[in-house]
Amino acid sequence: MEGYERKDGMETSDREEIYSKAVRAGKRTYFFDVKATRNNDYYLTITESKKKFDDNGTQNFEKHKIFLYKEDFEKFSEGLDEVVKYIKAAIGGEIPTTKTTESAKSEFDVDFDQI
């Protein structure tokens, strides 16, 4: 849980970030963040972020996060690869892509400082 205060005084969000990659995909942005535990073991957080507006027009971000630990990398990767291959085969080998116009791009631009 982000910002959760632990007994040792270190917040879980304070883990050292080693590497980060942001992938914009349509209305969503995916963040792939490599972090280190206290024992210097690496793990991956995958965050899906989607810009939302409430009834007052206030902008906020809906986020979903997955923590993936090194002992699960291979099985996760194999499972993901398998289902992507299945989807490609089921729809004739092509994954539809979204083409965005400049106005659509600016509508969904994410200011990373706001997240």
N, C-alpha and C. Protein backbone atom coordinates (compact mmCIF):
# COMPACT_ATOMS: atom_id res chain seq x y z
N MET A 1 0.85 -1.17 0.00
CA MET A 1 0.00 0.00 0.00
C MET A 1 0.89 1.23 0.00
N GLU A 2 0.66 2.08 -0.96
CA GLU A 2 1.51 3.24 -1.15
C GLU A 2 1.41 4.19 0.04
N GLY A 3 2.56 4.63 0.52
CA GLY A 3 2.59 5.57 1.61
C GLY A 3 2.32 4.95 2.97
N TYR A 4 2.16 3.65 3.05
CA TYR A 4 1.86 2.96 4.31
C TYR A 4 3.10 2.98 5.19
N GLU A 5 2.96 3.49 6.39
CA GLU A 5 4.08 3.59 7.33
C GLU A 5 4.36 2.23 7.96
N ARG A 6 5.59 1.77 7.85
CA ARG A 6 5.98 0.49 8.43
C ARG A 6 6.59 0.71 9.80
N LYS A 7 6.68 -0.36 10.58
CA LYS A 7 7.24 -0.27 11.93
C LYS A 7 8.70 0.16 11.93
N ASP A 8 9.44 -0.19 10.87
CA ASP A 8 10.85 0.17 10.83
C ASP A 8 11.06 1.62 10.39
N GLY A 9 9.96 2.36 10.18
CA GLY A 9 10.06 3.77 9.83
C GLY A 9 10.19 4.03 8.34
N MET A 10 10.39 3.00 7.55
CA MET A 10 10.53 3.17 6.11
C MET A 10 9.19 2.92 5.44
N GLU A 11 8.78 3.86 4.61
CA GLU A 11 7.53 3.67 3.90
C GLU A 11 7.78 2.75 2.72
N THR A 12 6.75 1.96 2.36
CA THR A 12 6.92 1.02 1.26
C THR A 12 7.21 1.73 -0.05
N SER A 13 6.73 2.95 -0.22
CA SER A 13 6.98 3.68 -1.46
C SER A 13 8.40 4.23 -1.51
N ASP A 14 9.17 4.12 -0.41
CA ASP A 14 10.53 4.62 -0.35
C ASP A 14 11.55 3.63 -0.89
N ARG A 15 11.13 2.47 -1.35
CA ARG A 15 12.07 1.49 -1.89
C ARG A 15 12.83 2.11 -3.06
N GLU A 16 14.08 1.75 -3.17
CA GLU A 16 14.93 2.33 -4.20
C GLU A 16 14.47 1.91 -5.59
N GLU A 17 14.24 2.91 -6.43
CA GLU A 17 13.86 2.63 -7.81
C GLU A 17 15.13 2.51 -8.64
N ILE A 18 15.28 1.37 -9.32
CA ILE A 18 16.48 1.06 -10.07
C ILE A 18 16.33 1.47 -11.54
N TYR A 19 15.17 1.20 -12.10
CA TYR A 19 14.93 1.44 -13.52
C TYR A 19 13.44 1.65 -13.71
N SER A 20 13.07 2.51 -14.65
CA SER A 20 11.65 2.77 -14.89
C SER A 20 11.41 2.95 -16.38
N LYS A 21 10.29 2.43 -16.84
CA LYS A 21 9.89 2.56 -18.24
C LYS A 21 8.40 2.87 -18.27
N ALA A 22 8.02 3.95 -18.93
CA ALA A 22 6.60 4.31 -19.10
C ALA A 22 6.19 3.98 -20.52
N VAL A 23 5.04 3.33 -20.66
CA VAL A 23 4.52 2.96 -21.98
C VAL A 23 3.12 3.54 -22.11
N ARG A 24 2.96 4.46 -23.05
CA ARG A 24 1.64 5.02 -23.31
C ARG A 24 0.93 4.13 -24.30
N ALA A 25 -0.29 3.76 -23.95
CA ALA A 25 -1.07 2.84 -24.79
C ALA A 25 -2.52 3.32 -24.79
N GLY A 26 -2.86 4.14 -25.78
CA GLY A 26 -4.23 4.65 -25.85
C GLY A 26 -4.52 5.55 -24.67
N LYS A 27 -5.59 5.25 -23.95
CA LYS A 27 -6.01 6.06 -22.81
C LYS A 27 -5.27 5.70 -21.53
N ARG A 28 -4.42 4.72 -21.60
CA ARG A 28 -3.72 4.25 -20.40
C ARG A 28 -2.21 4.47 -20.54
N THR A 29 -1.58 4.57 -19.39
CA THR A 29 -0.12 4.56 -19.34
C THR A 29 0.28 3.44 -18.40
N TYR A 30 1.23 2.64 -18.83
CA TYR A 30 1.75 1.55 -18.01
C TYR A 30 3.15 1.93 -17.55
N PHE A 31 3.41 1.74 -16.28
CA PHE A 31 4.72 2.01 -15.71
C PHE A 31 5.33 0.69 -15.27
N PHE A 32 6.53 0.42 -15.76
CA PHE A 32 7.28 -0.76 -15.36
C PHE A 32 8.45 -0.26 -14.52
N ASP A 33 8.41 -0.51 -13.23
CA ASP A 33 9.42 0.01 -12.32
C ASP A 33 10.16 -1.13 -11.64
N VAL A 34 11.48 -1.13 -11.79
CA VAL A 34 12.32 -2.11 -11.10
C VAL A 34 12.75 -1.47 -9.79
N LYS A 35 12.51 -2.16 -8.70
CA LYS A 35 12.86 -1.66 -7.37
C LYS A 35 13.68 -2.72 -6.64
N ALA A 36 14.30 -2.30 -5.55
CA ALA A 36 15.13 -3.22 -4.76
C ALA A 36 14.57 -3.33 -3.35
N THR A 37 14.63 -4.55 -2.81
CA THR A 37 14.25 -4.77 -1.42
C THR A 37 15.42 -4.38 -0.52
N ARG A 38 15.23 -4.48 0.79
CA ARG A 38 16.32 -4.19 1.73
C ARG A 38 17.49 -5.13 1.51
N ASN A 39 17.21 -6.36 1.05
CA ASN A 39 18.27 -7.34 0.79
C ASN A 39 18.86 -7.19 -0.61
N ASN A 40 18.49 -6.12 -1.29
CA ASN A 40 18.95 -5.81 -2.64
C ASN A 40 18.49 -6.83 -3.68
N ASP A 41 17.35 -7.47 -3.44
CA ASP A 41 16.71 -8.31 -4.45
C ASP A 41 15.82 -7.41 -5.29
N TYR A 42 15.82 -7.63 -6.59
CA TYR A 42 14.99 -6.81 -7.47
C TYR A 42 13.60 -7.39 -7.61
N TYR A 43 12.64 -6.51 -7.77
CA TYR A 43 11.28 -6.91 -8.10
C TYR A 43 10.70 -5.86 -9.04
N LEU A 44 9.60 -6.19 -9.66
CA LEU A 44 8.99 -5.34 -10.67
C LEU A 44 7.61 -4.91 -10.20
N THR A 45 7.31 -3.63 -10.34
CA THR A 45 5.94 -3.19 -10.15
C THR A 45 5.42 -2.75 -11.51
N ILE A 46 4.24 -3.22 -11.84
CA ILE A 46 3.57 -2.82 -13.08
C ILE A 46 2.35 -2.02 -12.66
N THR A 47 2.30 -0.77 -13.08
CA THR A 47 1.19 0.10 -12.70
C THR A 47 0.45 0.54 -13.96
N GLU A 48 -0.86 0.35 -13.94
CA GLU A 48 -1.72 0.88 -15.00
C GLU A 48 -2.31 2.17 -14.46
N SER A 49 -2.16 3.26 -15.21
CA SER A 49 -2.69 4.55 -14.80
C SER A 49 -3.62 5.07 -15.88
N LYS A 50 -4.80 5.49 -15.48
CA LYS A 50 -5.79 5.99 -16.42
C LYS A 50 -6.32 7.32 -15.90
N LYS A 51 -6.27 8.35 -16.74
CA LYS A 51 -6.75 9.66 -16.35
C LYS A 51 -8.27 9.64 -16.27
N LYS A 52 -8.81 10.16 -15.18
CA LYS A 52 -10.26 10.23 -14.97
C LYS A 52 -10.62 11.64 -14.54
N PHE A 53 -11.87 11.99 -14.78
CA PHE A 53 -12.40 13.27 -14.32
C PHE A 53 -13.64 12.98 -13.49
N ASP A 54 -13.73 13.60 -12.31
CA ASP A 54 -14.91 13.38 -11.47
C ASP A 54 -16.04 14.32 -11.93
N ASP A 55 -17.15 14.29 -11.22
CA ASP A 55 -18.32 15.09 -11.59
C ASP A 55 -18.04 16.59 -11.59
N ASN A 56 -17.08 17.02 -10.80
CA ASN A 56 -16.71 18.44 -10.73
C ASN A 56 -15.70 18.83 -11.80
N GLY A 57 -15.27 17.86 -12.60
CA GLY A 57 -14.26 18.12 -13.62
C GLY A 57 -12.84 18.07 -13.10
N THR A 58 -12.67 17.65 -11.86
CA THR A 58 -11.34 17.54 -11.28
C THR A 58 -10.65 16.29 -11.83
N GLN A 59 -9.42 16.50 -12.27
CA GLN A 59 -8.64 15.41 -12.86
C GLN A 59 -8.00 14.57 -11.76
N ASN A 60 -8.07 13.26 -11.91
CA ASN A 60 -7.34 12.36 -11.03
C ASN A 60 -6.94 11.13 -11.83
N PHE A 61 -6.17 10.27 -11.22
CA PHE A 61 -5.69 9.08 -11.90
C PHE A 61 -6.15 7.84 -11.17
N GLU A 62 -6.73 6.92 -11.92
CA GLU A 62 -7.10 5.62 -11.38
C GLU A 62 -5.92 4.70 -11.63
N LYS A 63 -5.41 4.08 -10.57
CA LYS A 63 -4.21 3.25 -10.71
C LYS A 63 -4.44 1.85 -10.19
N HIS A 64 -3.85 0.89 -10.90
CA HIS A 64 -3.86 -0.51 -10.47
C HIS A 64 -2.42 -0.98 -10.53
N LYS A 65 -2.00 -1.71 -9.51
CA LYS A 65 -0.60 -2.09 -9.41
C LYS A 65 -0.45 -3.58 -9.16
N ILE A 66 0.56 -4.16 -9.81
CA ILE A 66 0.94 -5.57 -9.62
C ILE A 66 2.40 -5.58 -9.17
N PHE A 67 2.69 -6.38 -8.16
CA PHE A 67 4.06 -6.59 -7.73
C PHE A 67 4.49 -7.96 -8.23
N LEU A 68 5.61 -8.00 -8.93
CA LEU A 68 6.10 -9.25 -9.49
C LEU A 68 7.52 -9.49 -8.98
N TYR A 69 7.69 -10.61 -8.30
CA TYR A 69 8.98 -10.92 -7.68
C TYR A 69 9.80 -11.84 -8.58
N LYS A 70 11.13 -11.78 -8.42
CA LYS A 70 12.04 -12.44 -9.36
C LYS A 70 11.78 -13.93 -9.52
N GLU A 71 11.32 -14.59 -8.46
CA GLU A 71 11.05 -16.03 -8.58
C GLU A 71 9.85 -16.32 -9.48
N ASP A 72 9.07 -15.29 -9.79
CA ASP A 72 7.89 -15.47 -10.64
C ASP A 72 8.07 -14.94 -12.06
N PHE A 73 9.21 -14.29 -12.35
CA PHE A 73 9.42 -13.67 -13.66
C PHE A 73 9.20 -14.65 -14.81
N GLU A 74 9.85 -15.81 -14.74
CA GLU A 74 9.80 -16.75 -15.86
C GLU A 74 8.38 -17.26 -16.11
N LYS A 75 7.70 -17.70 -15.07
CA LYS A 75 6.33 -18.22 -15.25
C LYS A 75 5.38 -17.12 -15.71
N PHE A 76 5.53 -15.91 -15.17
CA PHE A 76 4.69 -14.79 -15.59
C PHE A 76 4.92 -14.49 -17.06
N SER A 77 6.19 -14.42 -17.46
CA SER A 77 6.55 -14.14 -18.85
C SER A 77 6.01 -15.21 -19.79
N GLU A 78 6.15 -16.48 -19.39
CA GLU A 78 5.63 -17.58 -20.21
C GLU A 78 4.11 -17.49 -20.34
N GLY A 79 3.42 -17.21 -19.24
CA GLY A 79 1.96 -17.10 -19.27
C GLY A 79 1.50 -15.94 -20.14
N LEU A 80 2.16 -14.79 -20.01
CA LEU A 80 1.82 -13.63 -20.82
C LEU A 80 2.05 -13.91 -22.30
N ASP A 81 3.20 -14.50 -22.61
CA ASP A 81 3.52 -14.84 -23.99
C ASP A 81 2.48 -15.80 -24.57
N GLU A 82 2.07 -16.79 -23.79
CA GLU A 82 1.09 -17.78 -24.25
C GLU A 82 -0.25 -17.13 -24.57
N VAL A 83 -0.74 -16.26 -23.70
CA VAL A 83 -2.05 -15.66 -23.96
C VAL A 83 -2.00 -14.65 -25.09
N VAL A 84 -0.88 -13.94 -25.26
CA VAL A 84 -0.75 -13.02 -26.39
C VAL A 84 -0.74 -13.81 -27.70
N LYS A 85 -0.01 -14.93 -27.74
CA LYS A 85 -0.01 -15.77 -28.94
C LYS A 85 -1.40 -16.31 -29.23
N TYR A 86 -2.13 -16.70 -28.19
CA TYR A 86 -3.50 -17.20 -28.36
C TYR A 86 -4.39 -16.11 -28.97
N ILE A 87 -4.31 -14.91 -28.43
CA ILE A 87 -5.13 -13.81 -28.94
C ILE A 87 -4.79 -13.52 -30.40
N LYS A 88 -3.49 -13.46 -30.72
CA LYS A 88 -3.08 -13.20 -32.10
C LYS A 88 -3.62 -14.27 -33.04
N ALA A 89 -3.54 -15.53 -32.64
CA ALA A 89 -4.04 -16.63 -33.47
C ALA A 89 -5.56 -16.56 -33.61
N ALA A 90 -6.25 -16.21 -32.53
CA ALA A 90 -7.71 -16.18 -32.54
C ALA A 90 -8.26 -15.06 -33.42
N ILE A 91 -7.52 -13.96 -33.55
CA ILE A 91 -8.02 -12.85 -34.36
C ILE A 91 -7.29 -12.73 -35.69
N GLY A 92 -6.61 -13.77 -36.08
CA GLY A 92 -5.97 -13.77 -37.38
C GLY A 92 -4.59 -13.16 -37.42
N GLY A 93 -3.93 -13.10 -36.29
CA GLY A 93 -2.53 -12.68 -36.27
C GLY A 93 -2.29 -11.20 -36.13
N GLU A 94 -3.33 -10.38 -36.16
CA GLU A 94 -3.11 -8.95 -36.05
C GLU A 94 -3.74 -8.41 -34.78
N ILE A 95 -2.96 -7.64 -34.08
CA ILE A 95 -3.47 -6.96 -32.89
C ILE A 95 -3.84 -5.55 -33.35
N PRO A 96 -5.08 -5.13 -33.12
CA PRO A 96 -5.46 -3.79 -33.55
C PRO A 96 -4.65 -2.73 -32.80
N THR A 97 -4.23 -1.72 -33.52
CA THR A 97 -3.50 -0.62 -32.90
C THR A 97 -4.38 0.61 -32.92
N THR A 98 -4.13 1.48 -31.98
CA THR A 98 -4.89 2.73 -31.96
C THR A 98 -4.02 3.82 -32.53
N LYS A 99 -4.58 4.57 -33.43
CA LYS A 99 -3.88 5.72 -33.99
C LYS A 99 -4.48 6.95 -33.34
N THR A 100 -3.62 7.73 -32.72
CA THR A 100 -4.11 8.91 -32.04
C THR A 100 -3.72 10.16 -32.79
N THR A 101 -4.60 11.11 -32.77
CA THR A 101 -4.30 12.40 -33.37
C THR A 101 -3.56 13.24 -32.35
N GLU A 102 -3.02 14.37 -32.78
CA GLU A 102 -2.32 15.25 -31.84
C GLU A 102 -3.24 15.72 -30.74
N SER A 103 -4.51 16.02 -31.06
CA SER A 103 -5.44 16.49 -30.02
C SER A 103 -5.74 15.37 -29.03
N ALA A 104 -5.86 14.15 -29.51
CA ALA A 104 -6.11 13.03 -28.60
C ALA A 104 -4.89 12.77 -27.74
N LYS A 105 -3.69 12.93 -28.31
CA LYS A 105 -2.47 12.73 -27.53
C LYS A 105 -2.42 13.72 -26.37
N SER A 106 -2.70 14.99 -26.65
CA SER A 106 -2.61 15.99 -25.59
C SER A 106 -3.67 15.77 -24.53
N GLU A 107 -4.83 15.23 -24.91
CA GLU A 107 -5.90 14.97 -23.95
C GLU A 107 -5.46 13.95 -22.91
N PHE A 108 -4.62 13.01 -23.33
CA PHE A 108 -4.23 11.93 -22.43
C PHE A 108 -2.77 12.01 -22.01
N ASP A 109 -2.12 13.13 -22.29
CA ASP A 109 -0.75 13.29 -21.82
C ASP A 109 -0.74 13.24 -20.31
N VAL A 110 0.21 12.53 -19.78
CA VAL A 110 0.30 12.35 -18.34
C VAL A 110 1.46 13.19 -17.83
N ASP A 111 1.18 14.03 -16.87
CA ASP A 111 2.22 14.75 -16.17
C ASP A 111 2.66 13.85 -15.02
N PHE A 112 3.84 13.27 -15.13
CA PHE A 112 4.27 12.26 -14.18
C PHE A 112 4.38 12.81 -12.77
N ASP A 113 4.52 14.12 -12.61
CA ASP A 113 4.57 14.70 -11.27
C ASP A 113 3.21 14.67 -10.59
N GLN A 114 2.13 14.52 -11.36
CA GLN A 114 0.78 14.49 -10.79
C GLN A 114 0.40 13.11 -10.28
N ILE A 115 1.15 12.10 -10.66
CA ILE A 115 0.78 10.73 -10.31
C ILE A 115 1.37 10.36 -8.98
